[in-house]
Amino acid sequence: MAIAERLGGERDFSPGPVLEIDLLRTLLAIVSTGSFNRAARAVFRTPSAVSMQMKKLEDIVGKPIFAKDGRGVALTGDGEELLGFARRMLQLNDEALARFRCQSTEGVVRLGTPDDYATGFLPRILARFAATHPLVQVDVTCKPSSELVDMVDQGEIDVGLMSVGATCGVPNTGDIIHRERLVWAGLRHGQVHTRRPLPIAASGRSCCWRAMATEKLDRAGIPYRIAYSSAHYVGQVAAVLADLAVAPLPKSVLDGDLVAIDDRLLPAPGYYEIQIRTSPLASGAAVEALANHIRQSFEAEALASAA
């Protein structure tokens, strides 16, 4: 029996408007991040390309999607309704891909990373990895870079992401996959950066960001004190958002009321690099797949930022 007959008669397969998955994914990113610029980073496009995508989506549906709102991104009623369809269509798309792609790769991969990387980079990386490798379980351990080196060497974790640099005390024996500028993070319209001694929210003594930042302050003759110390990124950010301290952080993690202090007011701490290392005791397709995926994710983000 012909397919058309089983479906109950002839179907019209003539070309017509199509809701493209890429456009719907960008729409969801804009709503999730609350900004065209932040959405551009999430989908690895330029802000202008994201704007063009949304113009195309509005042309396809024939309705305005976004309402004018000086405070941020706001959807029209039609935009809200389209968002519901977008979520369902993306979920079905991802389920279909997961069903047919990379089903043969399975296992457990132990990934080690500082917790600030886990906050800033891992959500996007792991989400994409899960879509293409649904049978791989990723166990994440958050430790300082200096501890992760030994854990990789001893086979306690399979793949490690760690900071390297002159003040990090971590040997550069892996692949450098990311380089980024550090800034002094403060509260939007805050005043704590004017206090002397300067209150700092820092990580542990072994943190190379802390060493880089305080060295720059010493060179500039700016007195400071470690007012808050936390091994976890969220502890530092809490002090900054309360306008109790400033903290040396990657520029990419700044969002909302967390802003960079002008370099003319406080000397920029410098740059840091991330290396990826795979344990010599680790093996298997799952380990290789995750390591390659992380490399490719950072490469794609770097290309998007340079575009």
Protein backbone atom coordinates (compact mmCIF):
# COMPACT_ATOMS: atom_id res chain seq x y z
CA MET A 1 0.00 0.00 0.00
CA ALA A 2 1.32 3.45 -0.88
CA ILE A 3 2.30 5.79 1.95
CA ALA A 4 -0.22 8.42 0.86
CA GLU A 5 -3.00 5.82 1.01
CA ARG A 6 -2.01 4.73 4.50
CA LEU A 7 -2.05 8.36 5.59
CA GLY A 8 -5.59 8.76 4.33
CA GLY A 9 -5.17 10.30 0.90
CA GLU A 10 -2.92 12.63 -1.05
CA ARG A 11 -0.89 15.24 0.85
CA ASP A 12 0.18 18.64 -0.40
CA PHE A 13 3.99 18.77 -0.42
CA SER A 14 4.31 22.09 -2.22
CA PRO A 15 6.82 24.55 -0.71
CA GLY A 16 5.53 26.89 1.97
CA PRO A 17 6.71 28.86 5.00
CA VAL A 18 8.90 26.82 7.36
CA LEU A 19 9.73 27.51 11.01
CA GLU A 20 13.47 26.89 10.97
CA ILE A 21 14.95 25.23 14.05
CA ASP A 22 17.93 27.62 14.16
CA LEU A 23 15.59 30.62 14.32
CA LEU A 24 13.52 29.07 17.10
CA ARG A 25 16.66 28.16 19.06
CA THR A 26 17.84 31.76 18.86
CA LEU A 27 14.43 33.03 19.99
CA LEU A 28 14.61 30.76 23.03
CA ALA A 29 18.16 31.96 23.77
CA ILE A 30 17.03 35.61 23.68
CA VAL A 31 14.19 34.94 26.10
CA SER A 32 16.38 32.80 28.38
CA THR A 33 19.24 35.32 28.58
CA GLY A 34 17.10 38.48 28.42
CA SER A 35 19.40 40.09 25.87
CA PHE A 36 20.22 39.92 22.17
CA ASN A 37 23.92 40.31 22.98
CA ARG A 38 24.01 37.48 25.53
CA ALA A 39 21.92 35.30 23.23
CA ALA A 40 24.45 35.91 20.45
CA ARG A 41 27.18 34.39 22.62
CA ALA A 42 24.98 31.44 23.52
CA VAL A 43 24.24 30.54 19.88
CA PHE A 44 27.71 31.49 18.57
CA ARG A 45 26.57 34.34 16.35
CA THR A 46 27.10 38.09 16.23
CA PRO A 47 24.39 40.38 17.68
CA SER A 48 23.65 41.70 14.19
CA ALA A 49 23.17 38.14 12.90
CA VAL A 50 20.76 37.44 15.78
CA SER A 51 18.77 40.56 14.90
CA MET A 52 18.57 39.44 11.28
CA GLN A 53 17.40 36.00 12.39
CA MET A 54 14.56 37.50 14.42
CA LYS A 55 13.56 39.77 11.53
CA LYS A 56 13.38 36.68 9.32
CA LEU A 57 11.30 34.84 11.92
CA GLU A 58 8.85 37.74 12.11
CA ASP A 59 8.59 37.71 8.31
CA ILE A 60 7.86 33.97 8.34
CA VAL A 61 5.08 34.14 10.96
CA GLY A 62 3.78 37.45 9.66
CA LYS A 63 3.45 38.94 13.14
CA PRO A 64 5.61 41.14 15.41
CA ILE A 65 7.38 38.99 18.01
CA PHE A 66 9.03 41.63 20.18
CA ALA A 67 7.40 44.58 21.93
CA LYS A 68 9.26 47.82 22.52
CA ASP A 69 10.51 47.86 26.11
CA GLY A 70 13.41 50.03 27.23
CA ARG A 71 14.05 47.78 30.24
CA GLY A 72 14.92 44.69 28.22
CA VAL A 73 13.49 42.02 25.97
CA ALA A 74 9.69 41.74 25.94
CA LEU A 75 7.48 39.55 23.74
CA THR A 76 4.17 40.45 22.16
CA GLY A 77 1.19 38.18 22.71
CA ASP A 78 1.96 36.45 19.42
CA GLY A 79 5.59 36.16 20.49
CA GLU A 80 4.59 34.42 23.73
CA GLU A 81 2.45 31.96 21.79
CA LEU A 82 5.27 31.31 19.31
CA LEU A 83 7.65 30.71 22.21
CA GLY A 84 5.47 27.83 23.38
CA PHE A 85 5.58 26.22 19.94
CA ALA A 86 9.36 26.83 19.78
CA ARG A 87 9.98 24.98 23.04
CA ARG A 88 7.97 21.96 21.91
CA MET A 89 9.55 21.88 18.45
CA LEU A 90 13.09 22.15 19.84
CA GLN A 91 12.42 19.41 22.36
CA LEU A 92 11.15 17.11 19.61
CA ASN A 93 14.11 18.01 17.39
CA ASP A 94 16.62 17.23 20.15
CA GLU A 95 14.87 13.97 21.04
CA ALA A 96 14.96 12.86 17.40
CA LEU A 97 18.67 13.66 17.08
CA ALA A 98 19.45 11.92 20.35
CA ARG A 99 17.57 8.85 19.12
CA PHE A 100 19.68 8.44 15.98
CA ARG A 101 23.05 10.10 16.68
CA CYS A 102 25.95 8.70 18.70
CA GLN A 103 23.91 5.94 20.28
CA SER A 104 26.92 3.63 20.27
CA THR A 105 28.92 5.93 22.57
CA GLU A 106 28.18 5.30 26.22
CA GLY A 107 29.90 5.16 29.57
CA VAL A 108 30.93 7.44 32.42
CA VAL A 109 33.39 10.34 32.12
CA ARG A 110 34.80 12.08 35.20
CA LEU A 111 35.34 15.77 34.48
CA GLY A 112 37.23 18.08 36.82
CA THR A 113 36.98 21.87 36.71
CA PRO A 114 37.19 24.93 38.96
CA ASP A 115 33.69 25.94 40.03
CA ASP A 116 33.82 29.28 38.19
CA TYR A 117 34.32 27.39 34.92
CA ALA A 118 31.42 25.13 35.89
CA THR A 119 29.26 28.23 36.28
CA GLY A 120 30.47 30.16 33.25
CA PHE A 121 31.15 27.53 30.59
CA LEU A 122 29.79 24.09 31.44
CA PRO A 123 26.02 24.69 31.11
CA ARG A 124 26.25 25.36 27.36
CA ILE A 125 28.93 22.71 26.78
CA LEU A 126 27.13 19.93 28.64
CA ALA A 127 23.76 20.77 27.11
CA ARG A 128 25.12 20.35 23.60
CA PHE A 129 27.08 17.24 24.55
CA ALA A 130 23.99 15.61 26.06
CA ALA A 131 22.05 16.25 22.86
CA THR A 132 24.57 14.31 20.75
CA HIS A 133 25.76 11.76 23.34
CA PRO A 134 22.66 10.94 25.39
CA LEU A 135 24.08 7.69 26.80
CA VAL A 136 27.26 9.22 28.26
CA GLN A 137 27.14 10.06 31.97
CA VAL A 138 29.33 13.02 32.99
CA ASP A 139 30.39 13.23 36.64
CA VAL A 140 31.66 16.74 37.46
CA THR A 141 34.11 17.47 40.29
CA CYS A 142 34.83 21.11 41.21
CA LYS A 143 38.29 21.72 42.69
CA PRO A 144 41.04 24.37 42.41
CA SER A 145 43.34 23.98 39.41
CA SER A 146 46.31 23.04 41.60
CA GLU A 147 44.38 20.03 42.95
CA LEU A 148 43.02 19.00 39.56
CA VAL A 149 46.54 18.49 38.19
CA ASP A 150 47.24 15.69 40.67
CA MET A 151 43.77 14.21 40.17
CA VAL A 152 44.37 13.95 36.41
CA ASP A 153 47.83 12.43 36.86
CA GLN A 154 46.56 9.87 39.38
CA GLY A 155 43.54 8.93 37.29
CA GLU A 156 40.97 10.22 39.79
CA ILE A 157 39.38 12.22 36.97
CA ASP A 158 39.48 11.51 33.24
CA VAL A 159 39.44 15.05 31.82
CA GLY A 160 40.51 18.23 33.60
CA LEU A 161 40.08 21.93 32.83
CA MET A 162 42.49 24.14 34.73
CA SER A 163 44.02 27.60 34.78
CA VAL A 164 47.63 28.05 33.74
CA GLY A 165 49.92 31.04 34.09
CA ALA A 166 53.03 32.32 35.79
CA THR A 167 51.27 32.64 39.15
CA CYS A 168 49.09 29.52 38.93
CA GLY A 169 51.64 26.90 39.87
CA VAL A 170 50.10 24.60 37.25
CA PRO A 171 52.43 23.14 34.58
CA ASN A 172 51.40 23.90 31.01
CA THR A 173 51.41 20.31 29.75
CA GLY A 174 47.97 20.23 28.12
CA ASP A 175 46.26 21.99 25.24
CA ILE A 176 45.42 25.69 25.71
CA ILE A 177 41.79 26.03 24.62
CA HIS A 178 40.82 29.48 25.93
CA ARG A 179 42.42 32.82 26.76
CA GLU A 180 40.45 35.63 28.35
CA ARG A 181 40.87 38.94 30.10
CA LEU A 182 40.32 39.25 33.84
CA VAL A 183 38.62 42.38 35.20
CA TRP A 184 37.75 43.80 38.58
CA ALA A 185 34.08 43.00 39.08
CA GLY A 186 31.91 45.35 41.12
CA LEU A 187 28.28 46.22 41.70
CA ARG A 188 26.64 48.46 39.11
CA HIS A 189 26.64 52.00 40.59
CA GLY A 190 28.50 50.63 43.61
CA GLN A 191 31.12 52.60 45.57
CA VAL A 192 33.24 49.95 47.27
CA HIS A 193 36.00 50.26 44.64
CA THR A 194 36.77 53.76 46.01
CA ARG A 195 37.57 52.53 49.54
CA ARG A 196 41.10 52.21 50.84
CA PRO A 197 42.30 49.74 51.70
CA LEU A 198 40.40 48.16 48.82
CA PRO A 199 38.14 45.29 50.03
CA ILE A 200 38.63 42.20 47.88
CA ALA A 201 36.55 39.04 47.62
CA ALA A 202 39.00 36.32 46.62
CA SER A 203 39.35 32.60 46.28
CA GLY A 204 41.90 30.54 48.24
CA ARG A 205 45.58 31.41 48.53
CA SER A 206 46.47 29.02 45.73
CA CYS A 207 44.25 30.85 43.23
CA CYS A 208 46.35 32.39 40.46
CA TRP A 209 43.70 35.05 39.74
CA ARG A 210 44.11 36.28 43.31
CA ALA A 211 47.90 36.40 42.90
CA MET A 212 47.71 38.22 39.56
CA ALA A 213 45.23 40.78 40.87
CA THR A 214 47.06 41.61 44.09
CA GLU A 215 50.37 41.88 42.23
CA LYS A 216 48.88 44.54 39.97
CA LEU A 217 47.56 46.44 43.00
CA ASP A 218 50.98 46.27 44.66
CA ARG A 219 52.61 47.68 41.54
CA ALA A 220 50.07 50.51 41.40
CA GLY A 221 50.58 51.31 45.09
CA ILE A 222 46.91 50.67 45.95
CA PRO A 223 46.42 49.35 49.49
CA TYR A 224 44.01 46.43 49.80
CA ARG A 225 42.76 43.76 52.17
CA ILE A 226 41.18 40.35 51.61
CA ALA A 227 37.78 41.12 53.09
CA TYR A 228 36.01 37.95 51.93
CA SER A 229 37.46 34.59 51.01
CA SER A 230 35.56 31.73 49.41
CA ALA A 231 36.64 28.61 47.59
CA HIS A 232 33.46 28.91 45.55
CA TYR A 233 32.65 31.47 42.87
CA VAL A 234 29.18 32.16 44.26
CA GLY A 235 30.67 33.23 47.58
CA GLN A 236 32.80 35.88 45.90
CA VAL A 237 29.92 37.13 43.77
CA ALA A 238 27.66 37.44 46.82
CA ALA A 239 30.09 39.89 48.43
CA VAL A 240 30.39 41.87 45.19
CA LEU A 241 26.63 42.12 44.67
CA ALA A 242 26.28 43.41 48.23
CA ASP A 243 28.82 46.17 47.36
CA LEU A 244 31.11 44.87 50.08
CA ALA A 245 34.08 44.04 47.87
CA VAL A 246 35.43 43.76 44.33
CA ALA A 247 36.68 40.51 42.84
CA PRO A 248 39.01 39.51 39.97
CA LEU A 249 36.79 37.59 37.52
CA PRO A 250 36.68 36.71 33.81
CA LYS A 251 34.94 39.34 31.74
CA SER A 252 32.61 36.71 30.23
CA VAL A 253 30.88 35.93 33.55
CA LEU A 254 29.75 39.52 34.12
CA ASP A 255 26.01 39.91 33.82
CA GLY A 256 23.19 42.04 35.18
CA ASP A 257 24.40 44.15 38.11
CA LEU A 258 27.85 42.54 38.02
CA VAL A 259 29.99 44.98 35.99
CA ALA A 260 33.66 45.65 35.25
CA ILE A 261 35.41 48.49 37.09
CA ASP A 262 37.07 50.93 34.69
CA ASP A 263 40.79 50.13 34.21
CA ARG A 264 41.56 53.79 34.97
CA LEU A 265 40.22 53.28 38.48
CA LEU A 266 41.71 49.86 39.20
CA PRO A 267 44.50 48.21 37.17
CA ALA A 268 43.24 45.21 35.20
CA PRO A 269 44.56 41.92 36.63
CA GLY A 270 45.66 40.56 33.24
CA TYR A 271 44.79 37.45 31.26
CA TYR A 272 44.31 33.82 32.18
CA GLU A 273 44.39 30.67 30.06
CA ILE A 274 42.52 27.39 30.31
CA GLN A 275 44.18 24.12 29.43
CA ILE A 276 42.52 20.76 28.96
CA ARG A 277 44.30 17.61 30.06
CA THR A 278 43.26 13.99 29.69
CA SER A 279 44.51 11.49 32.25
CA PRO A 280 47.10 9.01 30.95
CA LEU A 281 45.05 6.36 32.77
CA ALA A 282 41.80 7.26 30.98
CA SER A 283 40.64 5.64 27.78
CA GLY A 284 37.52 4.90 25.80
CA ALA A 285 35.26 6.53 23.24
CA ALA A 286 33.27 8.47 25.85
CA VAL A 287 36.36 10.18 27.27
CA GLU A 288 37.64 11.07 23.82
CA ALA A 289 34.20 12.33 22.75
CA LEU A 290 33.86 14.69 25.72
CA ALA A 291 37.42 16.03 25.41
CA ASN A 292 36.97 16.72 21.70
CA HIS A 293 33.56 18.29 22.30
CA ILE A 294 35.02 20.70 24.89
CA ARG A 295 37.80 21.72 22.50
CA GLN A 296 35.34 22.31 19.67
CA SER A 297 33.00 24.29 21.91
CA PHE A 298 35.73 26.74 22.94
CA GLU A 299 36.91 27.04 19.32
CA ALA A 300 33.37 27.83 18.16
CA GLU A 301 32.91 30.43 20.90
CA ALA A 302 36.21 32.08 20.00
CA LEU A 303 35.16 32.29 16.34
CA ALA A 304 31.80 33.76 17.31
CA SER A 305 33.45 36.39 19.52
CA ALA A 306 35.85 37.37 16.74
CA ALA A 307 33.10 37.67 14.13
